Amino acid sequence: MYHDQYLFSDEIYTLVGENIRTIRQSMGIKQTALSIQADIDQKQLSLIENGKARPRLSVYLRIANALQVSMNQLLAGANTLRQEQVRRWDPETVEQAKDILLQLLALFNTK
C-alpha cells in the first residue's frame, strides 16, 4: 500500500489546483456550477483549487470530465515545475556535487 506522502509533493496539489481554476475561469464556469457537475462539495473544490486538499484520483477524474479536459491538461505544468526545480542548481553546486560523488566512488573502489 502506498502512503500519500510518497506519491506527490505538496507543489503538485497547488499546481493542479491552479490549473483547475485557470481552466474553469477560462471557460466562464462558476465554482458552484463545476462542483455540481463534478458531484463534489463546493468548499472541497475551493480547497482543491487552493492546493489545500489532497483528493483521490477519482475526484480529479470527475473534475476533468466535468470540464471536458484530459488529466494531462489538469497536470499541465508538472514538468515545468520539475524543470524549474532543476534549474535552481547553479553550475558551481553541480560541480561540487560531482566532486563529492567522485570522492565517494574512489573510496569504494579502493576496498
N, C-alpha and C. Protein backbone atom coordinates (compact mmCIF):
# COMPACT_ATOMS: atom_id res chain seq x y z
N MET A 1 0.85 -1.19 0.00
CA MET A 1 0.00 0.00 0.00
C MET A 1 0.88 1.24 0.00
N TYR A 2 0.50 2.22 -0.82
CA TYR A 2 1.26 3.45 -0.92
C TYR A 2 0.75 4.46 0.09
N HIS A 3 1.68 5.24 0.61
CA HIS A 3 1.31 6.33 1.51
C HIS A 3 1.30 7.61 0.70
N ASP A 4 0.37 8.51 1.01
CA ASP A 4 0.21 9.74 0.25
C ASP A 4 1.51 10.53 0.13
N GLN A 5 2.30 10.57 1.18
CA GLN A 5 3.49 11.40 1.15
C GLN A 5 4.52 10.92 0.14
N TYR A 6 4.40 9.70 -0.34
CA TYR A 6 5.35 9.18 -1.31
C TYR A 6 4.89 9.42 -2.76
N LEU A 7 3.63 9.80 -2.94
CA LEU A 7 3.10 9.91 -4.29
C LEU A 7 3.35 11.28 -4.91
N PHE A 8 3.07 12.34 -4.21
CA PHE A 8 3.19 13.68 -4.78
C PHE A 8 3.77 14.63 -3.74
N SER A 9 4.47 15.64 -4.25
CA SER A 9 4.89 16.70 -3.34
C SER A 9 3.73 17.68 -3.20
N ASP A 10 3.78 18.51 -2.19
CA ASP A 10 2.71 19.49 -1.97
C ASP A 10 2.56 20.43 -3.16
N GLU A 11 3.68 20.69 -3.87
CA GLU A 11 3.62 21.61 -5.00
C GLU A 11 2.71 21.09 -6.11
N ILE A 12 2.62 19.78 -6.25
CA ILE A 12 1.77 19.20 -7.29
C ILE A 12 0.31 19.54 -7.02
N TYR A 13 -0.12 19.43 -5.76
CA TYR A 13 -1.51 19.75 -5.42
C TYR A 13 -1.82 21.22 -5.71
N THR A 14 -0.88 22.09 -5.41
CA THR A 14 -1.05 23.51 -5.69
C THR A 14 -1.13 23.75 -7.19
N LEU A 15 -0.23 23.13 -7.92
CA LEU A 15 -0.19 23.29 -9.38
C LEU A 15 -1.48 22.81 -10.03
N VAL A 16 -1.94 21.62 -9.68
CA VAL A 16 -3.16 21.07 -10.27
C VAL A 16 -4.35 21.95 -9.89
N GLY A 17 -4.40 22.41 -8.66
CA GLY A 17 -5.49 23.30 -8.24
C GLY A 17 -5.51 24.58 -9.05
N GLU A 18 -4.33 25.15 -9.28
CA GLU A 18 -4.25 26.37 -10.09
C GLU A 18 -4.68 26.08 -11.53
N ASN A 19 -4.30 24.93 -12.06
CA ASN A 19 -4.71 24.56 -13.42
C ASN A 19 -6.23 24.42 -13.51
N ILE A 20 -6.82 23.78 -12.50
CA ILE A 20 -8.28 23.62 -12.49
C ILE A 20 -8.95 24.99 -12.50
N ARG A 21 -8.48 25.87 -11.62
CA ARG A 21 -9.07 27.21 -11.54
C ARG A 21 -8.92 27.96 -12.87
N THR A 22 -7.73 27.90 -13.45
CA THR A 22 -7.47 28.59 -14.72
C THR A 22 -8.37 28.08 -15.83
N ILE A 23 -8.48 26.75 -15.94
CA ILE A 23 -9.34 26.15 -16.97
C ILE A 23 -10.80 26.54 -16.73
N ARG A 24 -11.24 26.41 -15.49
CA ARG A 24 -12.63 26.73 -15.15
C ARG A 24 -12.94 28.18 -15.49
N GLN A 25 -12.07 29.10 -15.08
CA GLN A 25 -12.32 30.52 -15.32
C GLN A 25 -12.26 30.86 -16.80
N SER A 26 -11.34 30.22 -17.52
CA SER A 26 -11.24 30.49 -18.96
C SER A 26 -12.49 30.02 -19.71
N MET A 27 -13.18 29.04 -19.14
CA MET A 27 -14.42 28.54 -19.75
C MET A 27 -15.64 29.32 -19.25
N GLY A 28 -15.42 30.23 -18.32
CA GLY A 28 -16.53 31.02 -17.79
C GLY A 28 -17.45 30.23 -16.89
N ILE A 29 -16.92 29.21 -16.24
CA ILE A 29 -17.72 28.35 -15.36
C ILE A 29 -17.52 28.80 -13.91
N LYS A 30 -18.61 28.98 -13.21
CA LYS A 30 -18.54 29.32 -11.79
C LYS A 30 -18.15 28.09 -10.98
N GLN A 31 -17.51 28.34 -9.86
CA GLN A 31 -17.07 27.25 -9.00
C GLN A 31 -18.25 26.39 -8.55
N THR A 32 -19.36 27.02 -8.24
CA THR A 32 -20.55 26.28 -7.80
C THR A 32 -21.04 25.34 -8.90
N ALA A 33 -21.06 25.83 -10.13
CA ALA A 33 -21.53 25.02 -11.25
C ALA A 33 -20.61 23.82 -11.47
N LEU A 34 -19.30 24.04 -11.37
CA LEU A 34 -18.36 22.93 -11.55
C LEU A 34 -18.51 21.91 -10.44
N SER A 35 -18.70 22.38 -9.22
CA SER A 35 -18.84 21.44 -8.10
C SER A 35 -20.08 20.57 -8.28
N ILE A 36 -21.16 21.14 -8.79
CA ILE A 36 -22.37 20.37 -9.04
C ILE A 36 -22.12 19.36 -10.16
N GLN A 37 -21.52 19.82 -11.25
CA GLN A 37 -21.25 18.95 -12.40
C GLN A 37 -20.31 17.80 -12.03
N ALA A 38 -19.32 18.08 -11.17
CA ALA A 38 -18.34 17.06 -10.78
C ALA A 38 -18.80 16.25 -9.58
N ASP A 39 -19.94 16.64 -9.00
CA ASP A 39 -20.50 15.95 -7.84
C ASP A 39 -19.55 15.97 -6.64
N ILE A 40 -19.02 17.16 -6.37
CA ILE A 40 -18.22 17.36 -5.16
C ILE A 40 -18.70 18.63 -4.47
N ASP A 41 -18.45 18.73 -3.19
CA ASP A 41 -18.85 19.89 -2.42
C ASP A 41 -18.10 21.12 -2.91
N GLN A 42 -18.77 22.27 -2.95
CA GLN A 42 -18.14 23.50 -3.43
C GLN A 42 -16.97 23.90 -2.55
N LYS A 43 -17.10 23.69 -1.24
CA LYS A 43 -15.99 24.02 -0.33
C LYS A 43 -14.78 23.13 -0.62
N GLN A 44 -15.04 21.86 -0.95
CA GLN A 44 -13.96 20.94 -1.29
C GLN A 44 -13.27 21.40 -2.58
N LEU A 45 -14.05 21.84 -3.57
CA LEU A 45 -13.47 22.34 -4.81
C LEU A 45 -12.61 23.57 -4.55
N SER A 46 -13.08 24.43 -3.67
CA SER A 46 -12.29 25.61 -3.30
C SER A 46 -10.95 25.20 -2.69
N LEU A 47 -10.99 24.22 -1.79
CA LEU A 47 -9.75 23.73 -1.17
C LEU A 47 -8.82 23.11 -2.23
N ILE A 48 -9.40 22.39 -3.18
CA ILE A 48 -8.60 21.77 -4.25
C ILE A 48 -7.94 22.86 -5.08
N GLU A 49 -8.71 23.86 -5.49
CA GLU A 49 -8.17 24.93 -6.32
C GLU A 49 -7.08 25.72 -5.60
N ASN A 50 -7.15 25.76 -4.28
CA ASN A 50 -6.14 26.47 -3.50
C ASN A 50 -4.98 25.57 -3.07
N GLY A 51 -4.99 24.31 -3.52
CA GLY A 51 -3.91 23.39 -3.19
C GLY A 51 -3.91 22.93 -1.75
N LYS A 52 -5.03 23.08 -1.07
CA LYS A 52 -5.09 22.74 0.36
C LYS A 52 -5.75 21.39 0.62
N ALA A 53 -6.22 20.73 -0.44
CA ALA A 53 -6.84 19.41 -0.29
C ALA A 53 -5.99 18.38 -1.03
N ARG A 54 -6.09 17.15 -0.60
CA ARG A 54 -5.41 16.04 -1.25
C ARG A 54 -6.45 15.01 -1.69
N PRO A 55 -7.18 15.35 -2.75
CA PRO A 55 -8.26 14.45 -3.16
C PRO A 55 -7.74 13.19 -3.82
N ARG A 56 -8.61 12.21 -3.89
CA ARG A 56 -8.30 10.97 -4.58
C ARG A 56 -8.28 11.24 -6.08
N LEU A 57 -7.65 10.34 -6.81
CA LEU A 57 -7.59 10.44 -8.26
C LEU A 57 -8.99 10.50 -8.86
N SER A 58 -9.92 9.76 -8.28
CA SER A 58 -11.30 9.74 -8.80
C SER A 58 -11.93 11.13 -8.78
N VAL A 59 -11.57 11.96 -7.80
CA VAL A 59 -12.10 13.33 -7.73
C VAL A 59 -11.54 14.15 -8.89
N TYR A 60 -10.23 14.02 -9.12
CA TYR A 60 -9.63 14.72 -10.26
C TYR A 60 -10.25 14.27 -11.58
N LEU A 61 -10.55 12.98 -11.69
CA LEU A 61 -11.18 12.47 -12.90
C LEU A 61 -12.57 13.08 -13.10
N ARG A 62 -13.33 13.20 -12.01
CA ARG A 62 -14.65 13.81 -12.11
C ARG A 62 -14.56 15.27 -12.53
N ILE A 63 -13.56 15.97 -11.98
CA ILE A 63 -13.37 17.38 -12.35
C ILE A 63 -12.97 17.48 -13.83
N ALA A 64 -12.05 16.63 -14.26
CA ALA A 64 -11.62 16.64 -15.66
C ALA A 64 -12.81 16.35 -16.58
N ASN A 65 -13.63 15.38 -16.22
CA ASN A 65 -14.81 15.05 -17.03
C ASN A 65 -15.79 16.22 -17.07
N ALA A 66 -16.00 16.85 -15.93
CA ALA A 66 -16.93 17.98 -15.88
C ALA A 66 -16.43 19.15 -16.73
N LEU A 67 -15.12 19.34 -16.75
CA LEU A 67 -14.53 20.41 -17.57
C LEU A 67 -14.32 19.98 -19.02
N GLN A 68 -14.50 18.68 -19.28
CA GLN A 68 -14.28 18.09 -20.60
C GLN A 68 -12.85 18.32 -21.09
N VAL A 69 -11.91 18.03 -20.16
CA VAL A 69 -10.48 18.10 -20.48
C VAL A 69 -9.83 16.79 -20.06
N SER A 70 -8.63 16.56 -20.53
CA SER A 70 -7.91 15.34 -20.15
C SER A 70 -7.19 15.56 -18.82
N MET A 71 -6.81 14.47 -18.21
CA MET A 71 -6.00 14.56 -16.99
C MET A 71 -4.67 15.25 -17.29
N ASN A 72 -4.16 15.05 -18.51
CA ASN A 72 -2.91 15.73 -18.89
C ASN A 72 -3.05 17.24 -18.78
N GLN A 73 -4.21 17.75 -19.15
CA GLN A 73 -4.42 19.19 -19.07
C GLN A 73 -4.48 19.66 -17.61
N LEU A 74 -5.06 18.83 -16.75
CA LEU A 74 -5.07 19.21 -15.33
C LEU A 74 -3.66 19.19 -14.75
N LEU A 75 -2.84 18.27 -15.25
CA LEU A 75 -1.48 18.13 -14.74
C LEU A 75 -0.48 18.98 -15.50
N ALA A 76 -0.93 19.69 -16.51
CA ALA A 76 -0.03 20.51 -17.32
C ALA A 76 0.79 21.42 -16.42
N GLY A 77 2.04 21.48 -16.69
CA GLY A 77 2.91 22.32 -15.89
C GLY A 77 3.72 21.53 -14.88
N ALA A 78 3.40 20.27 -14.64
CA ALA A 78 4.17 19.48 -13.69
C ALA A 78 5.61 19.35 -14.16
N ASN A 79 5.81 19.15 -15.46
CA ASN A 79 7.17 19.08 -16.00
C ASN A 79 7.87 20.41 -15.86
N THR A 80 7.13 21.50 -16.07
CA THR A 80 7.72 22.83 -15.92
C THR A 80 8.17 23.04 -14.50
N LEU A 81 7.35 22.61 -13.54
CA LEU A 81 7.71 22.74 -12.13
C LEU A 81 9.00 21.99 -11.85
N ARG A 82 9.11 20.75 -12.34
CA ARG A 82 10.31 19.96 -12.13
C ARG A 82 11.52 20.63 -12.79
N GLN A 83 11.34 21.19 -14.01
CA GLN A 83 12.44 21.86 -14.70
C GLN A 83 12.90 23.08 -13.92
N GLU A 84 11.95 23.82 -13.34
CA GLU A 84 12.32 24.98 -12.54
C GLU A 84 13.12 24.57 -11.33
N GLN A 85 12.75 23.45 -10.71
CA GLN A 85 13.50 22.96 -9.56
C GLN A 85 14.92 22.59 -9.97
N VAL A 86 15.06 21.96 -11.13
CA VAL A 86 16.39 21.55 -11.61
C VAL A 86 17.22 22.77 -11.95
N ARG A 87 16.62 23.79 -12.55
CA ARG A 87 17.34 24.99 -12.94
C ARG A 87 17.91 25.73 -11.75
N ARG A 88 17.38 25.51 -10.56
CA ARG A 88 17.87 26.20 -9.38
C ARG A 88 19.29 25.76 -9.01
N TRP A 89 19.71 24.63 -9.55
CA TRP A 89 21.06 24.15 -9.28
C TRP A 89 22.03 24.92 -10.16
N ASP A 90 22.79 25.79 -9.57
CA ASP A 90 23.75 26.54 -10.35
C ASP A 90 24.94 25.63 -10.70
N PRO A 91 25.70 25.97 -11.74
CA PRO A 91 26.81 25.13 -12.19
C PRO A 91 27.85 24.83 -11.11
N GLU A 92 28.09 25.78 -10.23
CA GLU A 92 29.07 25.56 -9.16
C GLU A 92 28.60 24.46 -8.20
N THR A 93 27.33 24.47 -7.86
CA THR A 93 26.76 23.45 -6.98
C THR A 93 26.83 22.08 -7.65
N VAL A 94 26.54 22.02 -8.94
CA VAL A 94 26.61 20.77 -9.68
C VAL A 94 28.04 20.23 -9.66
N GLU A 95 29.01 21.09 -9.88
CA GLU A 95 30.42 20.66 -9.86
C GLU A 95 30.83 20.16 -8.48
N GLN A 96 30.39 20.83 -7.44
CA GLN A 96 30.69 20.39 -6.08
C GLN A 96 30.08 19.02 -5.81
N ALA A 97 28.86 18.81 -6.27
CA ALA A 97 28.20 17.52 -6.08
C ALA A 97 28.95 16.43 -6.83
N LYS A 98 29.39 16.73 -8.04
CA LYS A 98 30.16 15.75 -8.83
C LYS A 98 31.45 15.38 -8.10
N ASP A 99 32.15 16.38 -7.58
CA ASP A 99 33.40 16.12 -6.86
C ASP A 99 33.16 15.22 -5.66
N ILE A 100 32.11 15.48 -4.91
CA ILE A 100 31.79 14.66 -3.74
C ILE A 100 31.49 13.23 -4.16
N LEU A 101 30.69 13.08 -5.21
CA LEU A 101 30.36 11.73 -5.70
C LEU A 101 31.61 10.99 -6.18
N LEU A 102 32.48 11.68 -6.87
CA LEU A 102 33.73 11.04 -7.33
C LEU A 102 34.60 10.61 -6.16
N GLN A 103 34.66 11.42 -5.13
CA GLN A 103 35.42 11.06 -3.94
C GLN A 103 34.82 9.83 -3.26
N LEU A 104 33.51 9.78 -3.19
CA LEU A 104 32.85 8.62 -2.59
C LEU A 104 33.10 7.36 -3.43
N LEU A 105 33.02 7.48 -4.73
CA LEU A 105 33.29 6.34 -5.61
C LEU A 105 34.73 5.85 -5.45
N ALA A 106 35.65 6.80 -5.31
CA ALA A 106 37.05 6.44 -5.13
C ALA A 106 37.24 5.64 -3.84
N LEU A 107 36.51 6.01 -2.80
CA LEU A 107 36.59 5.29 -1.54
C LEU A 107 36.13 3.84 -1.70
N PHE A 108 35.07 3.64 -2.44
CA PHE A 108 34.54 2.29 -2.66
C PHE A 108 35.44 1.46 -3.55
N ASN A 109 36.08 2.10 -4.52
CA ASN A 109 36.95 1.38 -5.45
C ASN A 109 38.25 0.90 -4.80
N THR A 110 38.66 1.53 -3.73
CA THR A 110 39.91 1.15 -3.07
C THR A 110 39.72 -0.04 -2.15
N LYS A 111 38.51 -0.41 -1.84
CA LYS A 111 38.28 -1.52 -0.92
C LYS A 111 38.13 -2.81 -1.63
